[in-house]
Amino acid sequence: DTAVYYCGTAPWSLLLRSEVDDWGQGTQVTVS
C-alpha cells in the first residue's frame, strides 16, 4: 500500500474511468 495518495474530483461517470478534473497535491503513505 506504500504510495503517494491523491484525491481528485470529477463527475461520477468520469471518475469511474479514472478521469479527474482536479487533483490534490498528494500525501505520502509508507507501510513497513
Full PDB file with SEQRES, HELIX, SHEET, SSBOND, CRYST1, ORIGX, SCALE, CONECT and MASTER records, all heavy atoms in Angstrom:
SEQRES   1 A   32  ASP THR ALA VAL TYR TYR CYS GLY THR ALA PRO TRP SER          
SEQRES   2 A   32  LEU LEU LEU ARG SER GLU VAL ASP ASP TRP GLY GLN GLY          
SEQRES   3 A   32  THR GLN VAL THR VAL SER                                      
HELIX    1 AA1 TRP A   12  LEU A   15  1                                   4    
SHEET    1 AA1 2 ALA A   3  TYR A   5  0                                        
SHEET    2 AA1 2 THR A  27  VAL A  29 -1                                        
CRYST1    1.000    1.000    1.000  90.00  90.00  90.00 P 1           1          
ORIGX1      1.000000  0.000000  0.000000        0.00000                         
ORIGX2      0.000000  1.000000  0.000000        0.00000                         
ORIGX3      0.000000  0.000000  1.000000        0.00000                         
SCALE1      1.000000  0.000000  0.000000        0.00000                         
SCALE2      0.000000  1.000000  0.000000        0.00000                         
SCALE3      0.000000  0.000000  1.000000        0.00000                         
ATOM      1  N   ASP A   1       0.812  -1.207   0.000  1.00  0.00           N  
ATOM      2  CA  ASP A   1       0.000   0.000   0.000  1.00  0.00           C  
ATOM      3  C   ASP A   1       0.848   1.261   0.000  1.00  0.00           C  
ATOM      4  O   ASP A   1       0.302   2.364  -0.127  1.00  0.00           O  
ATOM      5  CB  ASP A   1      -0.929   0.026   1.211  1.00  0.00           C  
ATOM      6  CG  ASP A   1      -1.978  -1.070   1.180  1.00  0.00           C  
ATOM      7  OD1 ASP A   1      -2.526  -1.347   0.089  1.00  0.00           O  
ATOM      8  OD2 ASP A   1      -2.255  -1.644   2.249  1.00  0.00           O  
ATOM      9  N   THR A   2       2.147   1.116   0.167  1.00  0.00           N  
ATOM     10  CA  THR A   2       3.043   2.261   0.163  1.00  0.00           C  
ATOM     11  C   THR A   2       2.934   3.013  -1.159  1.00  0.00           C  
ATOM     12  O   THR A   2       3.105   2.433  -2.229  1.00  0.00           O  
ATOM     13  CB  THR A   2       4.490   1.818   0.394  1.00  0.00           C  
ATOM     14  OG1 THR A   2       4.616   1.260   1.703  1.00  0.00           O  
ATOM     15  CG2 THR A   2       5.446   2.995   0.267  1.00  0.00           C  
ATOM     16  N   ALA A   3       2.640   4.297  -1.077  1.00  0.00           N  
ATOM     17  CA  ALA A   3       2.437   5.103  -2.275  1.00  0.00           C  
ATOM     18  C   ALA A   3       2.171   6.540  -1.864  1.00  0.00           C  
ATOM     19  O   ALA A   3       1.962   6.841  -0.687  1.00  0.00           O  
ATOM     20  CB  ALA A   3       1.255   4.579  -3.098  1.00  0.00           C  
ATOM     21  N   VAL A   4       2.171   7.412  -2.849  1.00  0.00           N  
ATOM     22  CA  VAL A   4       1.645   8.750  -2.666  1.00  0.00           C  
ATOM     23  C   VAL A   4       0.165   8.700  -3.028  1.00  0.00           C  
ATOM     24  O   VAL A   4      -0.192   8.264  -4.123  1.00  0.00           O  
ATOM     25  CB  VAL A   4       2.375   9.787  -3.535  1.00  0.00           C  
ATOM     26  CG1 VAL A   4       1.755  11.169  -3.349  1.00  0.00           C  
ATOM     27  CG2 VAL A   4       3.856   9.822  -3.186  1.00  0.00           C  
ATOM     28  N   TYR A   5      -0.670   9.129  -2.111  1.00  0.00           N  
ATOM     29  CA  TYR A   5      -2.112   9.075  -2.307  1.00  0.00           C  
ATOM     30  C   TYR A   5      -2.646  10.446  -2.694  1.00  0.00           C  
ATOM     31  O   TYR A   5      -2.331  11.455  -2.055  1.00  0.00           O  
ATOM     32  CB  TYR A   5      -2.811   8.583  -1.040  1.00  0.00           C  
ATOM     33  CG  TYR A   5      -2.682   7.091  -0.847  1.00  0.00           C  
ATOM     34  CD1 TYR A   5      -1.466   6.531  -0.480  1.00  0.00           C  
ATOM     35  CD2 TYR A   5      -3.764   6.243  -1.048  1.00  0.00           C  
ATOM     36  CE1 TYR A   5      -1.326   5.163  -0.322  1.00  0.00           C  
ATOM     37  CE2 TYR A   5      -3.634   4.875  -0.892  1.00  0.00           C  
ATOM     38  CZ  TYR A   5      -2.420   4.341  -0.528  1.00  0.00           C  
ATOM     39  OH  TYR A   5      -2.289   2.973  -0.370  1.00  0.00           O  
ATOM     40  N   TYR A   6      -3.457  10.472  -3.734  1.00  0.00           N  
ATOM     41  CA  TYR A   6      -4.044  11.696  -4.250  1.00  0.00           C  
ATOM     42  C   TYR A   6      -5.560  11.610  -4.208  1.00  0.00           C  
ATOM     43  O   TYR A   6      -6.138  10.564  -4.510  1.00  0.00           O  
ATOM     44  CB  TYR A   6      -3.631  11.936  -5.705  1.00  0.00           C  
ATOM     45  CG  TYR A   6      -2.157  12.105  -5.941  1.00  0.00           C  
ATOM     46  CD1 TYR A   6      -1.332  10.997  -6.134  1.00  0.00           C  
ATOM     47  CD2 TYR A   6      -1.583  13.365  -5.993  1.00  0.00           C  
ATOM     48  CE1 TYR A   6       0.024  11.145  -6.360  1.00  0.00           C  
ATOM     49  CE2 TYR A   6      -0.228  13.525  -6.225  1.00  0.00           C  
ATOM     50  CZ  TYR A   6       0.569  12.405  -6.411  1.00  0.00           C  
ATOM     51  OH  TYR A   6       1.914  12.560  -6.645  1.00  0.00           O  
ATOM     52  N   CYS A   7      -6.208  12.704  -3.867  1.00  0.00           N  
ATOM     53  CA  CYS A   7      -7.649  12.785  -4.044  1.00  0.00           C  
ATOM     54  C   CYS A   7      -7.944  13.601  -5.291  1.00  0.00           C  
ATOM     55  O   CYS A   7      -7.140  14.426  -5.723  1.00  0.00           O  
ATOM     56  CB  CYS A   7      -8.343  13.386  -2.823  1.00  0.00           C  
ATOM     57  SG  CYS A   7      -7.909  15.090  -2.435  1.00  0.00           S  
ATOM     58  N   GLY A   8      -9.096  13.347  -5.864  1.00  0.00           N  
ATOM     59  CA  GLY A   8      -9.498  14.050  -7.063  1.00  0.00           C  
ATOM     60  C   GLY A   8     -11.007  14.128  -7.172  1.00  0.00           C  
ATOM     61  O   GLY A   8     -11.724  13.333  -6.555  1.00  0.00           O  
ATOM     62  N   THR A   9     -11.496  15.069  -7.945  1.00  0.00           N  
ATOM     63  CA  THR A   9     -12.926  15.244  -8.147  1.00  0.00           C  
ATOM     64  C   THR A   9     -13.262  15.249  -9.632  1.00  0.00           C  
ATOM     65  O   THR A   9     -12.450  15.662 -10.468  1.00  0.00           O  
ATOM     66  CB  THR A   9     -13.436  16.546  -7.505  1.00  0.00           C  
ATOM     67  OG1 THR A   9     -12.701  17.657  -8.040  1.00  0.00           O  
ATOM     68  CG2 THR A   9     -13.253  16.512  -6.000  1.00  0.00           C  
ATOM     69  N   ALA A  10     -14.462  14.809  -9.943  1.00  0.00           N  
ATOM     70  CA  ALA A  10     -14.972  14.746 -11.301  1.00  0.00           C  
ATOM     71  C   ALA A  10     -16.412  14.255 -11.245  1.00  0.00           C  
ATOM     72  O   ALA A  10     -16.849  13.732 -10.214  1.00  0.00           O  
ATOM     73  CB  ALA A  10     -14.132  13.800 -12.162  1.00  0.00           C  
ATOM     74  N   PRO A  11     -17.168  14.390 -12.330  1.00  0.00           N  
ATOM     75  CA  PRO A  11     -18.466  13.721 -12.373  1.00  0.00           C  
ATOM     76  C   PRO A  11     -18.295  12.221 -12.169  1.00  0.00           C  
ATOM     77  O   PRO A  11     -17.293  11.635 -12.569  1.00  0.00           O  
ATOM     78  CB  PRO A  11     -18.977  14.039 -13.786  1.00  0.00           C  
ATOM     79  CG  PRO A  11     -18.296  15.321 -14.144  1.00  0.00           C  
ATOM     80  CD  PRO A  11     -16.934  15.223 -13.526  1.00  0.00           C  
ATOM     81  N   TRP A  12     -19.278  11.593 -11.549  1.00  0.00           N  
ATOM     82  CA  TRP A  12     -19.202  10.189 -11.180  1.00  0.00           C  
ATOM     83  C   TRP A  12     -18.824   9.282 -12.342  1.00  0.00           C  
ATOM     84  O   TRP A  12     -17.939   8.434 -12.227  1.00  0.00           O  
ATOM     85  CB  TRP A  12     -20.530   9.755 -10.569  1.00  0.00           C  
ATOM     86  CG  TRP A  12     -20.657   8.307 -10.195  1.00  0.00           C  
ATOM     87  CD1 TRP A  12     -21.517   7.400 -10.733  1.00  0.00           C  
ATOM     88  CD2 TRP A  12     -19.918   7.613  -9.185  1.00  0.00           C  
ATOM     89  NE1 TRP A  12     -21.362   6.181 -10.125  1.00  0.00           N  
ATOM     90  CE2 TRP A  12     -20.392   6.284  -9.169  1.00  0.00           C  
ATOM     91  CE3 TRP A  12     -18.923   7.986  -8.291  1.00  0.00           C  
ATOM     92  CZ2 TRP A  12     -19.890   5.320  -8.295  1.00  0.00           C  
ATOM     93  CZ3 TRP A  12     -18.415   7.025  -7.429  1.00  0.00           C  
ATOM     94  CH2 TRP A  12     -18.900   5.725  -7.436  1.00  0.00           C  
ATOM     95  N   SER A  13     -19.506   9.456 -13.470  1.00  0.00           N  
ATOM     96  CA  SER A  13     -19.269   8.582 -14.609  1.00  0.00           C  
ATOM     97  C   SER A  13     -17.837   8.686 -15.114  1.00  0.00           C  
ATOM     98  O   SER A  13     -17.259   7.699 -15.569  1.00  0.00           O  
ATOM     99  CB  SER A  13     -20.248   8.897 -15.742  1.00  0.00           C  
ATOM    100  OG  SER A  13     -20.097  10.235 -16.193  1.00  0.00           O  
ATOM    101  N   LEU A  14     -17.260   9.867 -15.042  1.00  0.00           N  
ATOM    102  CA  LEU A  14     -15.885  10.052 -15.483  1.00  0.00           C  
ATOM    103  C   LEU A  14     -14.894   9.532 -14.450  1.00  0.00           C  
ATOM    104  O   LEU A  14     -13.868   8.952 -14.804  1.00  0.00           O  
ATOM    105  CB  LEU A  14     -15.609  11.527 -15.773  1.00  0.00           C  
ATOM    106  CG  LEU A  14     -16.428  12.145 -16.903  1.00  0.00           C  
ATOM    107  CD1 LEU A  14     -16.035  13.604 -17.096  1.00  0.00           C  
ATOM    108  CD2 LEU A  14     -16.231  11.372 -18.200  1.00  0.00           C  
ATOM    109  N   LEU A  15     -15.208   9.744 -13.179  1.00  0.00           N  
ATOM    110  CA  LEU A  15     -14.314   9.291 -12.131  1.00  0.00           C  
ATOM    111  C   LEU A  15     -14.151   7.772 -12.159  1.00  0.00           C  
ATOM    112  O   LEU A  15     -13.067   7.255 -11.870  1.00  0.00           O  
ATOM    113  CB  LEU A  15     -14.826   9.746 -10.766  1.00  0.00           C  
ATOM    114  CG  LEU A  15     -13.872   9.598  -9.587  1.00  0.00           C  
ATOM    115  CD1 LEU A  15     -12.602  10.400  -9.821  1.00  0.00           C  
ATOM    116  CD2 LEU A  15     -14.557  10.054  -8.309  1.00  0.00           C  
ATOM    117  N   LEU A  16     -15.209   7.065 -12.502  1.00  0.00           N  
ATOM    118  CA  LEU A  16     -15.130   5.615 -12.600  1.00  0.00           C  
ATOM    119  C   LEU A  16     -14.189   5.168 -13.712  1.00  0.00           C  
ATOM    120  O   LEU A  16     -13.730   4.027 -13.706  1.00  0.00           O  
ATOM    121  CB  LEU A  16     -16.515   5.013 -12.828  1.00  0.00           C  
ATOM    122  CG  LEU A  16     -17.502   5.143 -11.662  1.00  0.00           C  
ATOM    123  CD1 LEU A  16     -18.830   4.508 -12.033  1.00  0.00           C  
ATOM    124  CD2 LEU A  16     -16.935   4.511 -10.405  1.00  0.00           C  
ATOM    125  N   ARG A  17     -13.913   6.041 -14.643  1.00  0.00           N  
ATOM    126  CA  ARG A  17     -12.955   5.780 -15.710  1.00  0.00           C  
ATOM    127  C   ARG A  17     -11.603   6.421 -15.394  1.00  0.00           C  
ATOM    128  O   ARG A  17     -10.755   6.540 -16.283  1.00  0.00           O  
ATOM    129  CB  ARG A  17     -13.467   6.299 -17.053  1.00  0.00           C  
ATOM    130  CG  ARG A  17     -14.837   5.776 -17.445  1.00  0.00           C  
ATOM    131  CD  ARG A  17     -15.037   5.783 -18.955  1.00  0.00           C  
ATOM    132  NE  ARG A  17     -14.707   7.058 -19.569  1.00  0.00           N  
ATOM    133  CZ  ARG A  17     -15.582   7.983 -19.919  1.00  0.00           C  
ATOM    134  NH1 ARG A  17     -16.876   7.754 -19.714  1.00  0.00           N  
ATOM    135  NH2 ARG A  17     -15.183   9.106 -20.482  1.00  0.00           N  
ATOM    136  N   SER A  18     -11.414   6.851 -14.153  1.00  0.00           N  
ATOM    137  CA  SER A  18     -10.175   7.485 -13.693  1.00  0.00           C  
ATOM    138  C   SER A  18      -9.888   8.790 -14.416  1.00  0.00           C  
ATOM    139  O   SER A  18      -8.731   9.159 -14.612  1.00  0.00           O  
ATOM    140  CB  SER A  18      -8.982   6.522 -13.830  1.00  0.00           C  
ATOM    141  OG  SER A  18      -9.158   5.393 -12.997  1.00  0.00           O  
ATOM    142  N   GLU A  19     -10.935   9.477 -14.817  1.00  0.00           N  
ATOM    143  CA  GLU A  19     -10.790  10.790 -15.437  1.00  0.00           C  
ATOM    144  C   GLU A  19     -11.106  11.841 -14.387  1.00  0.00           C  
ATOM    145  O   GLU A  19     -12.245  11.973 -13.947  1.00  0.00           O  
ATOM    146  CB  GLU A  19     -11.709  10.913 -16.650  1.00  0.00           C  
ATOM    147  CG  GLU A  19     -11.367   9.931 -17.762  1.00  0.00           C  
ATOM    148  CD  GLU A  19     -12.252  10.073 -18.976  1.00  0.00           C  
ATOM    149  OE1 GLU A  19     -13.035  11.045 -19.046  1.00  0.00           O  
ATOM    150  OE2 GLU A  19     -12.169   9.212 -19.872  1.00  0.00           O  
ATOM    151  N   VAL A  20     -10.096  12.579 -13.983  1.00  0.00           N  
ATOM    152  CA  VAL A  20     -10.180  13.502 -12.862  1.00  0.00           C  
ATOM    153  C   VAL A  20     -10.019  14.938 -13.342  1.00  0.00           C  
ATOM    154  O   VAL A  20      -9.118  15.234 -14.128  1.00  0.00           O  
ATOM    155  CB  VAL A  20      -9.105  13.164 -11.808  1.00  0.00           C  
ATOM    156  CG1 VAL A  20      -9.121  14.183 -10.677  1.00  0.00           C  
ATOM    157  CG2 VAL A  20      -9.322  11.757 -11.273  1.00  0.00           C  
ATOM    158  N   ASP A  21     -10.878  15.815 -12.849  1.00  0.00           N  
ATOM    159  CA  ASP A  21     -10.817  17.223 -13.222  1.00  0.00           C  
ATOM    160  C   ASP A  21      -9.820  18.002 -12.375  1.00  0.00           C  
ATOM    161  O   ASP A  21      -9.083  18.847 -12.883  1.00  0.00           O  
ATOM    162  CB  ASP A  21     -12.196  17.870 -13.096  1.00  0.00           C  
ATOM    163  CG  ASP A  21     -13.176  17.365 -14.128  1.00  0.00           C  
ATOM    164  OD1 ASP A  21     -12.743  17.027 -15.248  1.00  0.00           O  
ATOM    165  OD2 ASP A  21     -14.386  17.323 -13.825  1.00  0.00           O  
ATOM    166  N   ASP A  22      -9.811  17.742 -11.080  1.00  0.00           N  
ATOM    167  CA  ASP A  22      -8.952  18.475 -10.155  1.00  0.00           C  
ATOM    168  C   ASP A  22      -8.282  17.508  -9.195  1.00  0.00           C  
ATOM    169  O   ASP A  22      -8.928  16.624  -8.642  1.00  0.00           O  
ATOM    170  CB  ASP A  22      -9.759  19.509  -9.365  1.00  0.00           C  
ATOM    171  CG  ASP A  22     -10.373  20.565 -10.259  1.00  0.00           C  
ATOM    172  OD1 ASP A  22      -9.629  21.465 -10.702  1.00  0.00           O  
ATOM    173  OD2 ASP A  22     -11.587  20.493 -10.522  1.00  0.00           O  
ATOM    174  N   TRP A  23      -6.985  17.699  -9.004  1.00  0.00           N  
ATOM    175  CA  TRP A  23      -6.179  16.852  -8.133  1.00  0.00           C  
ATOM    176  C   TRP A  23      -5.674  17.612  -6.920  1.00  0.00           C  
ATOM    177  O   TRP A  23      -5.406  18.812  -6.988  1.00  0.00           O  
ATOM    178  CB  TRP A  23      -4.946  16.323  -8.866  1.00  0.00           C  
ATOM    179  CG  TRP A  23      -5.194  15.328  -9.947  1.00  0.00           C  
ATOM    180  CD1 TRP A  23      -5.200  15.558 -11.291  1.00  0.00           C  
ATOM    181  CD2 TRP A  23      -5.438  13.932  -9.783  1.00  0.00           C  
ATOM    182  NE1 TRP A  23      -5.436  14.391 -11.976  1.00  0.00           N  
ATOM    183  CE2 TRP A  23      -5.577  13.383 -11.075  1.00  0.00           C  
ATOM    184  CE3 TRP A  23      -5.541  13.094  -8.671  1.00  0.00           C  
ATOM    185  CZ2 TRP A  23      -5.823  12.027 -11.280  1.00  0.00           C  
ATOM    186  CZ3 TRP A  23      -5.789  11.749  -8.879  1.00  0.00           C  
ATOM    187  CH2 TRP A  23      -5.927  11.222 -10.164  1.00  0.00           C  
ATOM    188  N   GLY A  24      -5.506  16.894  -5.816  1.00  0.00           N  
ATOM    189  CA  GLY A  24      -4.776  17.421  -4.687  1.00  0.00           C  
ATOM    190  C   GLY A  24      -3.286  17.245  -4.912  1.00  0.00           C  
ATOM    191  O   GLY A  24      -2.840  16.702  -5.932  1.00  0.00           O  
ATOM    192  N   GLN A  25      -2.479  17.683  -3.957  1.00  0.00           N  
ATOM    193  CA  GLN A  25      -1.029  17.638  -4.102  1.00  0.00           C  
ATOM    194  C   GLN A  25      -0.429  16.292  -3.728  1.00  0.00           C  
ATOM    195  O   GLN A  25       0.730  16.019  -4.055  1.00  0.00           O  
ATOM    196  CB  GLN A  25      -0.381  18.739  -3.242  1.00  0.00           C  
ATOM    197  CG  GLN A  25      -0.149  18.382  -1.775  1.00  0.00           C  
ATOM    198  CD  GLN A  25      -1.430  18.276  -0.969  1.00  0.00           C  
ATOM    199  OE1 GLN A  25      -2.488  18.728  -1.386  1.00  0.00           O  
ATOM    200  NE2 GLN A  25      -1.322  17.684   0.226  1.00  0.00           N  
ATOM    201  N   GLY A  26      -1.190  15.457  -3.067  1.00  0.00           N  
ATOM    202  CA  GLY A  26      -0.726  14.143  -2.675  1.00  0.00           C  
ATOM    203  C   GLY A  26      -0.193  14.106  -1.256  1.00  0.00           C  
ATOM    204  O   GLY A  26       0.304  15.102  -0.732  1.00  0.00           O  
ATOM    205  N   THR A  27      -0.304  12.940  -0.634  1.00  0.00           N  
ATOM    206  CA  THR A  27       0.241  12.732   0.699  1.00  0.00           C  
ATOM    207  C   THR A  27       0.885  11.350   0.751  1.00  0.00           C  
ATOM    208  O   THR A  27       0.331  10.372   0.251  1.00  0.00           O  
ATOM    209  CB  THR A  27      -0.845  12.887   1.788  1.00  0.00           C  
ATOM    210  OG1 THR A  27      -0.252  12.801   3.084  1.00  0.00           O  
ATOM    211  CG2 THR A  27      -1.930  11.830   1.662  1.00  0.00           C  
ATOM    212  N   GLN A  28       2.066  11.268   1.345  1.00  0.00           N  
ATOM    213  CA  GLN A  28       2.842  10.035   1.352  1.00  0.00           C  
ATOM    214  C   GLN A  28       2.344   9.078   2.423  1.00  0.00           C  
ATOM    215  O   GLN A  28       2.151   9.466   3.578  1.00  0.00           O  
ATOM    216  CB  GLN A  28       4.324  10.341   1.594  1.00  0.00           C  
ATOM    217  CG  GLN A  28       5.220   9.101   1.701  1.00  0.00           C  
ATOM    218  CD  GLN A  28       5.383   8.390   0.384  1.00  0.00           C  
ATOM    219  OE1 GLN A  28       5.680   9.017  -0.635  1.00  0.00           O  
ATOM    220  NE2 GLN A  28       5.201   7.073   0.389  1.00  0.00           N  
ATOM    221  N   VAL A  29       2.165   7.825   2.031  1.00  0.00           N  
ATOM    222  CA  VAL A  29       1.854   6.745   2.955  1.00  0.00           C  
ATOM    223  C   VAL A  29       2.939   5.688   2.819  1.00  0.00           C  
ATOM    224  O   VAL A  29       3.183   5.186   1.722  1.00  0.00           O  
ATOM    225  CB  VAL A  29       0.474   6.125   2.671  1.00  0.00           C  
ATOM    226  CG1 VAL A  29       0.267   4.866   3.509  1.00  0.00           C  
ATOM    227  CG2 VAL A  29      -0.626   7.135   2.946  1.00  0.00           C  
ATOM    228  N   THR A  30       3.582   5.360   3.923  1.00  0.00           N  
ATOM    229  CA  THR A  30       4.639   4.364   3.923  1.00  0.00           C  
ATOM    230  C   THR A  30       4.300   3.275   4.930  1.00  0.00           C  
ATOM    231  O   THR A  30       4.062   3.566   6.104  1.00  0.00           O  
ATOM    232  CB  THR A  30       5.997   4.989   4.275  1.00  0.00           C  
ATOM    233  OG1 THR A  30       6.314   6.026   3.339  1.00  0.00           O  
ATOM    234  CG2 THR A  30       7.105   3.941   4.233  1.00  0.00           C  
ATOM    235  N   VAL A  31       4.279   2.034   4.471  1.00  0.00           N  
ATOM    236  CA  VAL A  31       3.945   0.894   5.321  1.00  0.00           C  
ATOM    237  C   VAL A  31       5.150  -0.030   5.363  1.00  0.00           C  
ATOM    238  O   VAL A  31       5.575  -0.552   4.332  1.00  0.00           O  
ATOM    239  CB  VAL A  31       2.717   0.137   4.803  1.00  0.00           C  
ATOM    240  CG1 VAL A  31       2.337  -0.973   5.782  1.00  0.00           C  
ATOM    241  CG2 VAL A  31       1.549   1.089   4.597  1.00  0.00           C  
ATOM    242  N   SER A  32       5.691  -0.239   6.546  1.00  0.00           N  
ATOM    243  CA  SER A  32       6.868  -1.080   6.710  1.00  0.00           C  
ATOM    244  C   SER A  32       6.471  -2.492   7.117  1.00  0.00           C  
ATOM    245  O   SER A  32       5.418  -2.713   7.722  1.00  0.00           O  
ATOM    246  CB  SER A  32       7.815  -0.483   7.750  1.00  0.00           C  
ATOM    247  OG  SER A  32       7.169  -0.361   9.011  1.00  0.00           O  
TER     248      SER A  32                                                      
MASTER        0    0    0    1    2    0    0    6  247    1    0    3          
END                                                                             
